[in-house]
Amino acid sequence: MKGCIERLWNGLVKENPVLVLMLGMCPALAVSTQAANGIGMGLSTLAVLVLSNFVISCLRKVIPDQVRLPAYIVIVASLVTVTELLIKAYIPSLYEELGIYIPLIVVNCIILGRAEAYANKHTPLLSVMDGIGMGLGFTVALTIAGAIRELLGTGKVFGAQLLPEGFGMTIFIQPPGAFLVFALIIAIMNAVGIKTRQRKLVESGCDGNCGLCQTPCETAAPKSEEPQKGGEQA
């Protein structure tokens, strides 16, 4: 149970595929113009990621090492085709919005990376939880970025008018806006990480980085006195 929770937390925060590992940036930048598009793309990737991790983990002792990457691509492509047909049949508006980026899930580096780095080495249960964590992390990142871009670009979020009509900075619904928004989110995450790191240094010591430590070092004095004692003896 602890391992499953750790896998979820790892994908959502510690190793968020978009905001920490910088994977899957092409669809993240392209489809995050609206929050709804971010959710649609994220959930589609999550479904493929979970199923591919499960299948690859079950077959990890069967697939020869020499052909494992082609085998992964065949498995992922089959799942993506099914996902694309389901979206096209039941959510045609989302299919039109996402367009070519649905079939491009086949070569999404998040899916192939998790297949090679995790599912190929762990049990099906842990692989499924890893897929859920990474998929949710991808979905959350796209949804947050999409909501910010939609709000600043059109004044709306999920179609609801939150800012005065006529408000809108069109740069945020264009490609440059994606870079600005993701840079802002990543900068905030890094700032929080720096504060956490500084707090750990204060609590546990500098570990050699004395310039960042606010706690007096008790072991420094004896080391500095050793050369003086040696000089007196000489």
Protein backbone atom coordinates (compact mmCIF):
# COMPACT_ATOMS: atom_id res chain seq x y z
CA MET A 1 0.00 0.00 0.00
CA LYS A 2 2.81 2.40 0.88
CA GLY A 3 4.47 1.76 -2.48
CA CYS A 4 1.23 2.52 -4.33
CA ILE A 5 0.77 5.84 -2.51
CA GLU A 6 4.40 6.70 -3.16
CA ARG A 7 3.88 6.07 -6.88
CA LEU A 8 0.90 8.44 -6.95
CA TRP A 9 2.73 11.19 -5.05
CA ASN A 10 5.80 10.71 -7.21
CA GLY A 11 3.88 11.29 -10.45
CA LEU A 12 1.81 14.17 -9.15
CA VAL A 13 4.54 16.22 -7.44
CA LYS A 14 8.06 14.86 -7.02
CA GLU A 15 8.53 13.78 -10.65
CA ASN A 16 5.67 15.52 -12.42
CA PRO A 17 6.29 14.61 -16.09
CA VAL A 18 5.72 18.14 -17.41
CA LEU A 19 6.69 20.49 -14.59
CA VAL A 20 9.68 18.55 -13.23
CA LEU A 21 10.92 16.08 -15.85
CA MET A 22 10.00 18.31 -18.85
CA LEU A 23 8.53 15.39 -20.80
CA GLY A 24 5.62 15.53 -23.23
CA MET A 25 6.11 19.25 -23.80
CA CYS A 26 4.87 19.25 -27.42
CA PRO A 27 1.25 18.31 -26.63
CA ALA A 28 1.43 20.28 -23.38
CA LEU A 29 2.28 23.50 -25.22
CA ALA A 30 -0.08 22.88 -28.12
CA VAL A 31 -3.35 21.77 -26.49
CA SER A 32 -3.29 23.76 -23.25
CA THR A 33 -5.11 26.75 -24.77
CA GLN A 34 -8.20 25.77 -22.75
CA ALA A 35 -8.69 23.91 -19.48
CA ALA A 36 -11.13 21.47 -21.12
CA ASN A 37 -8.57 20.56 -23.77
CA GLY A 38 -5.97 19.96 -21.05
CA ILE A 39 -8.28 17.58 -19.22
CA GLY A 40 -9.17 15.74 -22.43
CA MET A 41 -5.57 15.29 -23.51
CA GLY A 42 -4.45 14.40 -20.00
CA LEU A 43 -7.11 11.73 -19.45
CA SER A 44 -6.47 10.23 -22.89
CA THR A 45 -2.77 9.94 -22.09
CA LEU A 46 -3.57 8.59 -18.62
CA ALA A 47 -5.71 5.78 -20.06
CA VAL A 48 -3.04 4.76 -22.54
CA LEU A 49 -0.30 5.05 -19.92
CA VAL A 50 -2.09 2.85 -17.37
CA LEU A 51 -3.03 0.15 -19.87
CA SER A 52 0.38 0.10 -21.55
CA ASN A 53 2.17 -0.12 -18.20
CA PHE A 54 -0.06 -3.02 -17.19
CA VAL A 55 0.38 -4.96 -20.43
CA ILE A 56 4.13 -4.37 -20.60
CA SER A 57 4.58 -5.35 -16.96
CA CYS A 58 2.65 -8.59 -17.53
CA LEU A 59 4.78 -9.39 -20.58
CA ARG A 60 8.11 -8.16 -19.19
CA LYS A 61 9.49 -11.70 -18.87
CA VAL A 62 8.20 -12.73 -22.30
CA ILE A 63 9.36 -9.85 -24.53
CA PRO A 64 13.02 -10.35 -25.60
CA ASP A 65 15.36 -7.50 -24.74
CA GLN A 66 16.44 -7.17 -28.37
CA VAL A 67 12.94 -6.15 -29.53
CA ARG A 68 11.46 -4.57 -26.43
CA LEU A 69 11.21 -1.01 -27.83
CA PRO A 70 9.43 -2.09 -31.05
CA ALA A 71 7.15 -4.25 -28.90
CA TYR A 72 6.36 -1.29 -26.66
CA ILE A 73 5.47 0.84 -29.68
CA VAL A 74 3.15 -1.83 -31.08
CA ILE A 75 1.37 -2.16 -27.72
CA VAL A 76 1.05 1.61 -27.26
CA ALA A 77 -0.07 2.16 -30.87
CA SER A 78 -2.85 -0.41 -30.47
CA LEU A 79 -4.11 1.26 -27.31
CA VAL A 80 -3.90 4.73 -28.85
CA THR A 81 -5.91 3.60 -31.88
CA VAL A 82 -8.69 2.32 -29.63
CA THR A 83 -8.62 5.54 -27.60
CA GLU A 84 -8.74 7.70 -30.72
CA LEU A 85 -11.73 5.80 -32.13
CA LEU A 86 -13.61 6.08 -28.83
CA ILE A 87 -13.00 9.83 -28.61
CA LYS A 88 -13.99 10.31 -32.23
CA ALA A 89 -17.21 8.36 -31.71
CA TYR A 90 -18.34 9.74 -28.35
CA ILE A 91 -16.63 13.15 -27.96
CA PRO A 92 -16.26 14.50 -31.53
CA SER A 93 -15.80 18.11 -30.33
CA LEU A 94 -12.77 17.09 -28.26
CA TYR A 95 -11.46 15.03 -31.17
CA GLU A 96 -11.58 18.11 -33.42
CA GLU A 97 -9.80 20.24 -30.82
CA LEU A 98 -6.97 17.79 -30.13
CA GLY A 99 -6.57 16.71 -33.76
CA ILE A 100 -3.22 15.15 -34.65
CA TYR A 101 -2.04 15.14 -31.03
CA ILE A 102 -4.16 12.08 -30.18
CA PRO A 103 -2.32 9.70 -32.54
CA LEU A 104 0.97 11.32 -31.50
CA ILE A 105 0.45 9.81 -28.03
CA VAL A 106 2.11 6.74 -29.58
CA VAL A 107 5.51 8.45 -29.46
CA ASN A 108 4.91 10.43 -26.26
CA CYS A 109 8.15 10.20 -24.33
CA ILE A 110 6.26 9.90 -21.03
CA ILE A 111 4.65 6.61 -22.07
CA LEU A 112 7.74 5.03 -23.62
CA GLY A 113 9.90 6.34 -20.78
CA ARG A 114 7.74 4.80 -18.04
CA ALA A 115 7.49 1.55 -19.98
CA GLU A 116 11.27 1.24 -20.19
CA ALA A 117 12.19 2.71 -16.82
CA TYR A 118 9.46 1.26 -14.60
CA ALA A 119 6.90 -1.15 -16.07
CA ASN A 120 9.62 -3.35 -17.53
CA LYS A 121 11.07 -3.91 -14.04
CA HIS A 122 8.11 -3.99 -11.62
CA THR A 123 4.89 -5.85 -10.89
CA PRO A 124 1.63 -5.04 -12.72
CA LEU A 125 0.07 -3.40 -9.63
CA LEU A 126 2.93 -0.99 -9.04
CA SER A 127 3.16 -0.32 -12.78
CA VAL A 128 -0.54 0.58 -12.90
CA MET A 129 -0.16 2.92 -9.92
CA ASP A 130 2.88 4.49 -11.56
CA GLY A 131 0.82 5.05 -14.71
CA ILE A 132 -2.02 6.60 -12.72
CA GLY A 133 0.38 8.91 -10.88
CA MET A 134 2.18 10.05 -14.02
CA GLY A 135 -1.09 10.39 -15.94
CA LEU A 136 -2.68 12.47 -13.19
CA GLY A 137 0.44 14.62 -12.99
CA PHE A 138 0.27 15.21 -16.74
CA THR A 139 -3.45 15.98 -16.54
CA VAL A 140 -3.09 18.39 -13.62
CA ALA A 141 -0.24 20.27 -15.31
CA LEU A 142 -2.17 20.67 -18.58
CA THR A 143 -5.39 21.65 -16.80
CA ILE A 144 -3.73 24.30 -14.63
CA ALA A 145 -1.84 25.76 -17.58
CA GLY A 146 -4.96 25.63 -19.75
CA ALA A 147 -7.08 27.38 -17.11
CA ILE A 148 -4.50 30.17 -16.69
CA ARG A 149 -4.13 30.68 -20.43
CA GLU A 150 -7.89 30.61 -21.01
CA LEU A 151 -8.53 33.06 -18.16
CA LEU A 152 -5.86 35.55 -19.20
CA GLY A 153 -6.54 35.15 -22.91
CA THR A 154 -10.34 35.24 -22.96
CA GLY A 155 -11.49 35.98 -19.44
CA LYS A 156 -13.22 32.60 -19.23
CA VAL A 157 -12.56 29.22 -17.60
CA PHE A 158 -14.54 26.18 -18.78
CA GLY A 159 -16.75 28.60 -20.69
CA ALA A 160 -17.73 30.62 -17.59
CA GLN A 161 -17.06 34.35 -17.83
CA LEU A 162 -14.92 35.23 -14.78
CA LEU A 163 -13.39 38.51 -15.97
CA PRO A 164 -15.17 41.48 -17.61
CA GLU A 165 -16.26 40.91 -21.20
CA GLY A 166 -13.78 42.26 -23.68
CA PHE A 167 -10.88 41.44 -21.39
CA GLY A 168 -8.24 39.29 -22.99
CA MET A 169 -4.53 39.23 -23.67
CA THR A 170 -4.40 37.22 -26.86
CA ILE A 171 -0.73 36.36 -26.40
CA PHE A 172 -1.75 33.80 -23.77
CA ILE A 173 -3.80 31.74 -26.22
CA GLN A 174 -0.94 31.80 -28.73
CA PRO A 175 2.27 29.70 -28.63
CA PRO A 176 4.35 32.32 -26.74
CA GLY A 177 1.73 32.35 -24.00
CA ALA A 178 2.28 28.65 -23.37
CA PHE A 179 5.97 29.21 -22.67
CA LEU A 180 5.19 32.12 -20.36
CA VAL A 181 2.60 30.19 -18.33
CA PHE A 182 4.65 27.02 -17.97
CA ALA A 183 7.71 29.08 -17.05
CA LEU A 184 5.68 30.82 -14.33
CA ILE A 185 4.36 27.53 -12.90
CA ILE A 186 7.82 25.93 -12.93
CA ALA A 187 9.35 29.03 -11.30
CA ILE A 188 6.80 28.83 -8.47
CA MET A 189 7.51 25.13 -7.96
CA ASN A 190 11.26 25.80 -7.91
CA ALA A 191 10.80 28.61 -5.39
CA VAL A 192 8.88 26.29 -3.08
CA GLY A 193 11.59 23.67 -3.52
CA ILE A 194 14.34 26.14 -2.64
CA LYS A 195 12.54 27.11 0.58
CA THR A 196 12.15 23.46 1.51
CA ARG A 197 15.84 22.85 0.84
CA GLN A 198 16.87 25.81 3.00
CA ARG A 199 14.65 24.61 5.83
CA LYS A 200 16.29 21.19 5.73
CA LEU A 201 19.73 22.80 5.84
CA VAL A 202 18.83 24.79 8.93
CA GLU A 203 17.36 21.77 10.69
CA SER A 204 19.97 19.17 9.82
CA GLY A 205 23.13 21.21 9.19
CA CYS A 206 24.89 22.49 6.11
CA ASP A 207 26.45 19.22 4.98
CA GLY A 208 29.47 21.13 3.75
CA ASN A 209 27.56 24.13 2.31
CA CYS A 210 28.43 26.47 5.17
CA GLY A 211 27.32 29.57 3.29
CA LEU A 212 23.71 28.34 3.30
CA CYS A 213 23.67 27.21 6.94
CA GLN A 214 22.46 29.44 9.78
CA THR A 215 23.52 27.01 12.52
CA PRO A 216 27.01 27.44 14.08
CA CYS A 217 29.24 24.52 13.12
CA GLU A 218 30.80 22.90 16.18
CA THR A 219 33.16 20.67 14.22
CA ALA A 220 34.88 23.52 12.38
CA ALA A 221 36.88 24.77 15.40
CA PRO A 222 38.94 21.63 16.08
CA LYS A 223 39.87 21.37 12.41
CA SER A 224 41.08 24.97 12.33
CA GLU A 225 43.16 24.47 15.46
CA GLU A 226 45.08 21.45 14.13
CA PRO A 227 47.52 23.44 11.95
CA GLN A 228 48.25 25.80 14.86
CA LYS A 229 49.07 22.89 17.20
CA GLY A 230 51.31 21.39 14.55
CA GLY A 231 53.14 24.71 14.18
CA GLU A 232 53.70 25.02 17.95
CA GLN A 233 55.18 21.50 18.10
CA ALA A 234 57.48 22.26 15.19
